[in-house]
Amino acid sequence: MMQIFDIGGPMKPKNENESLFPSLTYKERLMGFAFCSILGYFIQILSFGSFIGILGGSPNKFALTYSLGNILALFGTAFLIGFKKQFENMIDNERKMTSIIFASSLVMIFLSVYLFKSKFLVLIFLLTEFCSYTWYVASYIPFARDCIKGCLRNIIKS
């Protein structure tokens, strides 16, 4: 790949865009990101309408809609940075294990619903997905993981 050098070191050519949608302007990609993220989080919130199904022994509807909301929210980053950069972020040392657990739990939720037909497994993987997604998102917020660890330590002490 051809590199352009300036005083700050090597840079990528300005016309090279690694976004999933390189023909879109930055403003359009930002709007796509916002739309996917907001819609994804909205679907996650709506999934709590079927949360009562978990107590009634039918967690499938909640698990599927919650997981689809997570997937859509994460897809929004493809508008900004592209799948390649998102994947690179997911496999860096700080996030690798969390990403593996998160992706595995997503797959296992769908397998538990459609293949294994196990409500117990759906609940286990739903909890795993929630925890790993929270931990993954916290890795992007300075000191968020430290705050979560501190809160958990206080809960365990009491």
C-alpha atoms as a PDB file:
ATOM      1  CA  MET A   1       0.000   0.000   0.000  1.00  0.00           C
ATOM      2  CA  MET A   2       1.330   3.398  -0.924  1.00  0.00           C
ATOM      3  CA  GLN A   3       1.996   5.646   2.057  1.00  0.00           C
ATOM      4  CA  ILE A   4       2.069   9.427   2.118  1.00  0.00           C
ATOM      5  CA  PHE A   5       4.546  10.908   4.587  1.00  0.00           C
ATOM      6  CA  ASP A   6       4.399  14.190   6.390  1.00  0.00           C
ATOM      7  CA  ILE A   7       6.091  15.564   9.493  1.00  0.00           C
ATOM      8  CA  GLY A   8       3.860  13.415  11.712  1.00  0.00           C
ATOM      9  CA  GLY A   9       4.822  10.181   9.923  1.00  0.00           C
ATOM     10  CA  PRO A  10       3.021   7.875   7.490  1.00  0.00           C
ATOM     11  CA  MET A  11      -0.592   8.628   6.685  1.00  0.00           C
ATOM     12  CA  LYS A  12      -3.165   6.957   4.512  1.00  0.00           C
ATOM     13  CA  PRO A  13      -4.251   8.814   1.404  1.00  0.00           C
ATOM     14  CA  LYS A  14      -7.138  11.153   2.170  1.00  0.00           C
ATOM     15  CA  ASN A  15      -9.379   9.525  -0.424  1.00  0.00           C
ATOM     16  CA  GLU A  16      -9.036   6.060   1.143  1.00  0.00           C
ATOM     17  CA  ASN A  17     -12.024   5.345   3.350  1.00  0.00           C
ATOM     18  CA  GLU A  18     -12.184   2.066   5.257  1.00  0.00           C
ATOM     19  CA  SER A  19     -15.822   2.499   6.165  1.00  0.00           C
ATOM     20  CA  LEU A  20     -18.323  -0.110   5.029  1.00  0.00           C
ATOM     21  CA  PHE A  21     -19.903   2.613   2.901  1.00  0.00           C
ATOM     22  CA  PRO A  22     -17.012   4.599   1.378  1.00  0.00           C
ATOM     23  CA  SER A  23     -19.217   6.541  -1.045  1.00  0.00           C
ATOM     24  CA  LEU A  24     -21.137   8.188   1.808  1.00  0.00           C
ATOM     25  CA  THR A  25     -20.033  11.500   3.246  1.00  0.00           C
ATOM     26  CA  TYR A  26     -18.937  11.650   6.861  1.00  0.00           C
ATOM     27  CA  LYS A  27     -22.248  13.291   7.809  1.00  0.00           C
ATOM     28  CA  GLU A  28     -24.216  10.512   6.068  1.00  0.00           C
ATOM     29  CA  ARG A  29     -22.114   7.817   7.778  1.00  0.00           C
ATOM     30  CA  LEU A  30     -22.657   9.553  11.111  1.00  0.00           C
ATOM     31  CA  MET A  31     -26.414   9.558  10.469  1.00  0.00           C
ATOM     32  CA  GLY A  32     -26.284   5.834   9.550  1.00  0.00           C
ATOM     33  CA  PHE A  33     -24.380   5.108  12.748  1.00  0.00           C
ATOM     34  CA  ALA A  34     -26.874   7.082  14.824  1.00  0.00           C
ATOM     35  CA  PHE A  35     -29.852   5.422  13.127  1.00  0.00           C
ATOM     36  CA  CYS A  36     -28.529   1.864  13.629  1.00  0.00           C
ATOM     37  CA  SER A  37     -27.442   2.548  17.197  1.00  0.00           C
ATOM     38  CA  ILE A  38     -30.685   4.225  18.228  1.00  0.00           C
ATOM     39  CA  LEU A  39     -32.799   1.581  16.495  1.00  0.00           C
ATOM     40  CA  GLY A  40     -30.721  -1.197  18.069  1.00  0.00           C
ATOM     41  CA  TYR A  41     -31.069   0.260  21.559  1.00  0.00           C
ATOM     42  CA  PHE A  42     -34.765   0.908  20.940  1.00  0.00           C
ATOM     43  CA  ILE A  43     -35.253  -2.764  20.006  1.00  0.00           C
ATOM     44  CA  GLN A  44     -33.372  -3.754  23.159  1.00  0.00           C
ATOM     45  CA  ILE A  45     -35.693  -1.578  25.244  1.00  0.00           C
ATOM     46  CA  LEU A  46     -38.760  -2.977  23.466  1.00  0.00           C
ATOM     47  CA  SER A  47     -37.520  -6.495  24.206  1.00  0.00           C
ATOM     48  CA  PHE A  48     -38.148  -5.805  27.881  1.00  0.00           C
ATOM     49  CA  GLY A  49     -41.859  -5.844  27.018  1.00  0.00           C
ATOM     50  CA  SER A  50     -41.462  -9.608  26.712  1.00  0.00           C
ATOM     51  CA  PHE A  51     -39.201  -9.848  29.765  1.00  0.00           C
ATOM     52  CA  ILE A  52     -42.114 -11.176  31.811  1.00  0.00           C
ATOM     53  CA  GLY A  53     -41.984 -14.219  29.524  1.00  0.00           C
ATOM     54  CA  ILE A  54     -38.733 -15.186  31.229  1.00  0.00           C
ATOM     55  CA  LEU A  55     -40.570 -15.516  34.528  1.00  0.00           C
ATOM     56  CA  GLY A  56     -43.284 -17.519  32.794  1.00  0.00           C
ATOM     57  CA  GLY A  57     -40.699 -19.919  31.401  1.00  0.00           C
ATOM     58  CA  SER A  58     -40.582 -18.568  27.847  1.00  0.00           C
ATOM     59  CA  PRO A  59     -37.407 -16.490  27.409  1.00  0.00           C
ATOM     60  CA  ASN A  60     -37.089 -16.999  23.647  1.00  0.00           C
ATOM     61  CA  LYS A  61     -38.883 -13.864  22.426  1.00  0.00           C
ATOM     62  CA  PHE A  62     -36.977 -11.631  24.829  1.00  0.00           C
ATOM     63  CA  ALA A  63     -33.624 -13.261  24.057  1.00  0.00           C
ATOM     64  CA  LEU A  64     -34.037 -13.020  20.302  1.00  0.00           C
ATOM     65  CA  THR A  65     -35.198  -9.392  20.209  1.00  0.00           C
ATOM     66  CA  TYR A  66     -32.579  -8.310  22.752  1.00  0.00           C
ATOM     67  CA  SER A  67     -29.837 -10.072  20.747  1.00  0.00           C
ATOM     68  CA  LEU A  68     -31.025  -8.562  17.461  1.00  0.00           C
ATOM     69  CA  GLY A  69     -30.931  -5.132  19.092  1.00  0.00           C
ATOM     70  CA  ASN A  70     -27.335  -5.760  20.173  1.00  0.00           C
ATOM     71  CA  ILE A  71     -26.342  -6.869  16.679  1.00  0.00           C
ATOM     72  CA  LEU A  72     -27.968  -3.828  15.058  1.00  0.00           C
ATOM     73  CA  ALA A  73     -26.322  -1.439  17.521  1.00  0.00           C
ATOM     74  CA  LEU A  74     -22.917  -2.959  16.811  1.00  0.00           C
ATOM     75  CA  PHE A  75     -23.576  -2.879  13.068  1.00  0.00           C
ATOM     76  CA  GLY A  76     -23.816   0.907  13.326  1.00  0.00           C
ATOM     77  CA  THR A  77     -20.066   1.093  13.816  1.00  0.00           C
ATOM     78  CA  ALA A  78     -19.648  -0.230  10.260  1.00  0.00           C
ATOM     79  CA  PHE A  79     -20.919   3.139   9.049  1.00  0.00           C
ATOM     80  CA  LEU A  80     -18.129   4.937  10.874  1.00  0.00           C
ATOM     81  CA  ILE A  81     -15.099   2.683  10.970  1.00  0.00           C
ATOM     82  CA  GLY A  82     -15.983  -0.377   8.909  1.00  0.00           C
ATOM     83  CA  PHE A  83     -16.085  -4.051   9.781  1.00  0.00           C
ATOM     84  CA  LYS A  84     -12.326  -4.479   9.435  1.00  0.00           C
ATOM     85  CA  LYS A  85     -11.514  -1.806  12.035  1.00  0.00           C
ATOM     86  CA  GLN A  86     -14.305  -3.029  14.325  1.00  0.00           C
ATOM     87  CA  PHE A  87     -12.871  -6.546  14.124  1.00  0.00           C
ATOM     88  CA  GLU A  88      -9.385  -5.213  14.866  1.00  0.00           C
ATOM     89  CA  ASN A  89     -10.772  -3.392  17.908  1.00  0.00           C
ATOM     90  CA  MET A  90     -12.535  -6.534  19.057  1.00  0.00           C
ATOM     91  CA  ILE A  91      -9.402  -8.678  18.931  1.00  0.00           C
ATOM     92  CA  ASP A  92      -7.009  -6.273  20.610  1.00  0.00           C
ATOM     93  CA  ASN A  93      -5.631  -7.504  23.928  1.00  0.00           C
ATOM     94  CA  GLU A  94      -8.029  -5.447  26.051  1.00  0.00           C
ATOM     95  CA  ARG A  95     -11.216  -6.753  24.377  1.00  0.00           C
ATOM     96  CA  LYS A  96     -10.349 -10.133  22.849  1.00  0.00           C
ATOM     97  CA  MET A  97     -11.767 -12.414  25.552  1.00  0.00           C
ATOM     98  CA  THR A  98     -14.870 -10.277  26.027  1.00  0.00           C
ATOM     99  CA  SER A  99     -15.499 -10.246  22.272  1.00  0.00           C
ATOM    100  CA  ILE A 100     -15.149 -14.011  22.019  1.00  0.00           C
ATOM    101  CA  ILE A 101     -17.559 -14.528  24.912  1.00  0.00           C
ATOM    102  CA  PHE A 102     -20.029 -12.000  23.475  1.00  0.00           C
ATOM    103  CA  ALA A 103     -19.997 -13.431  19.947  1.00  0.00           C
ATOM    104  CA  SER A 104     -20.237 -16.987  21.271  1.00  0.00           C
ATOM    105  CA  SER A 105     -23.173 -16.123  23.495  1.00  0.00           C
ATOM    106  CA  LEU A 106     -24.999 -14.515  20.544  1.00  0.00           C
ATOM    107  CA  VAL A 107     -24.545 -17.650  18.455  1.00  0.00           C
ATOM    108  CA  MET A 108     -25.474 -19.911  21.358  1.00  0.00           C
ATOM    109  CA  ILE A 109     -28.692 -17.990  22.054  1.00  0.00           C
ATOM    110  CA  PHE A 110     -29.908 -18.642  18.515  1.00  0.00           C
ATOM    111  CA  LEU A 111     -28.787 -22.282  18.695  1.00  0.00           C
ATOM    112  CA  SER A 112     -30.478 -22.694  22.090  1.00  0.00           C
ATOM    113  CA  VAL A 113     -33.746 -21.297  20.760  1.00  0.00           C
ATOM    114  CA  TYR A 114     -33.923 -23.035  17.394  1.00  0.00           C
ATOM    115  CA  LEU A 115     -31.753 -26.148  17.628  1.00  0.00           C
ATOM    116  CA  PHE A 116     -31.550 -27.220  21.280  1.00  0.00           C
ATOM    117  CA  LYS A 117     -34.931 -25.722  22.275  1.00  0.00           C
ATOM    118  CA  SER A 118     -33.606 -25.278  25.812  1.00  0.00           C
ATOM    119  CA  LYS A 119     -35.022 -22.420  27.869  1.00  0.00           C
ATOM    120  CA  PHE A 120     -32.378 -22.945  30.538  1.00  0.00           C
ATOM    121  CA  LEU A 121     -29.546 -22.520  28.002  1.00  0.00           C
ATOM    122  CA  VAL A 122     -31.250 -19.438  26.572  1.00  0.00           C
ATOM    123  CA  LEU A 123     -31.233 -17.860  30.040  1.00  0.00           C
ATOM    124  CA  ILE A 124     -27.591 -18.771  30.669  1.00  0.00           C
ATOM    125  CA  PHE A 125     -26.428 -17.357  27.343  1.00  0.00           C
ATOM    126  CA  LEU A 126     -28.657 -14.301  27.685  1.00  0.00           C
ATOM    127  CA  LEU A 127     -27.011 -13.464  31.003  1.00  0.00           C
ATOM    128  CA  THR A 128     -23.594 -14.115  29.457  1.00  0.00           C
ATOM    129  CA  GLU A 129     -24.425 -11.876  26.500  1.00  0.00           C
ATOM    130  CA  PHE A 130     -25.612  -9.055  28.752  1.00  0.00           C
ATOM    131  CA  CYS A 131     -22.518  -9.189  30.967  1.00  0.00           C
ATOM    132  CA  SER A 132     -20.044  -9.468  28.101  1.00  0.00           C
ATOM    133  CA  TYR A 133     -21.735  -6.688  26.105  1.00  0.00           C
ATOM    134  CA  THR A 134     -21.669  -4.412  29.141  1.00  0.00           C
ATOM    135  CA  TRP A 135     -17.989  -5.217  29.743  1.00  0.00           C
ATOM    136  CA  TYR A 136     -17.187  -4.681  26.041  1.00  0.00           C
ATOM    137  CA  VAL A 137     -18.902  -1.281  25.894  1.00  0.00           C
ATOM    138  CA  ALA A 138     -17.249  -0.298  29.186  1.00  0.00           C
ATOM    139  CA  SER A 139     -13.839  -0.889  27.584  1.00  0.00           C
ATOM    140  CA  TYR A 140     -14.426   2.203  25.419  1.00  0.00           C
ATOM    141  CA  ILE A 141     -15.296   4.460  28.360  1.00  0.00           C
ATOM    142  CA  PRO A 142     -12.359   5.624  30.478  1.00  0.00           C
ATOM    143  CA  PHE A 143     -12.413   4.104  33.988  1.00  0.00           C
ATOM    144  CA  ALA A 144     -15.788   2.404  33.399  1.00  0.00           C
ATOM    145  CA  ARG A 145     -14.397  -1.082  33.981  1.00  0.00           C
ATOM    146  CA  ASP A 146     -12.760   0.106  37.208  1.00  0.00           C
ATOM    147  CA  CYS A 147     -16.120   1.528  38.352  1.00  0.00           C
ATOM    148  CA  ILE A 148     -17.880  -1.763  37.572  1.00  0.00           C
ATOM    149  CA  LYS A 149     -15.221  -3.722  39.478  1.00  0.00           C
ATOM    150  CA  GLY A 150     -15.554  -1.350  42.448  1.00  0.00           C
ATOM    151  CA  CYS A 151     -19.350  -1.679  42.489  1.00  0.00           C
ATOM    152  CA  LEU A 152     -19.128  -5.471  42.337  1.00  0.00           C
ATOM    153  CA  ARG A 153     -16.579  -5.520  45.179  1.00  0.00           C
ATOM    154  CA  ASN A 154     -18.930  -3.392  47.323  1.00  0.00           C
ATOM    155  CA  ILE A 155     -21.881  -5.648  46.550  1.00  0.00           C
ATOM    156  CA  ILE A 156     -19.903  -8.772  47.421  1.00  0.00           C
ATOM    157  CA  LYS A 157     -18.653  -7.218  50.708  1.00  0.00           C
ATOM    158  CA  SER A 158     -22.179  -6.410  51.890  1.00  0.00           C
END
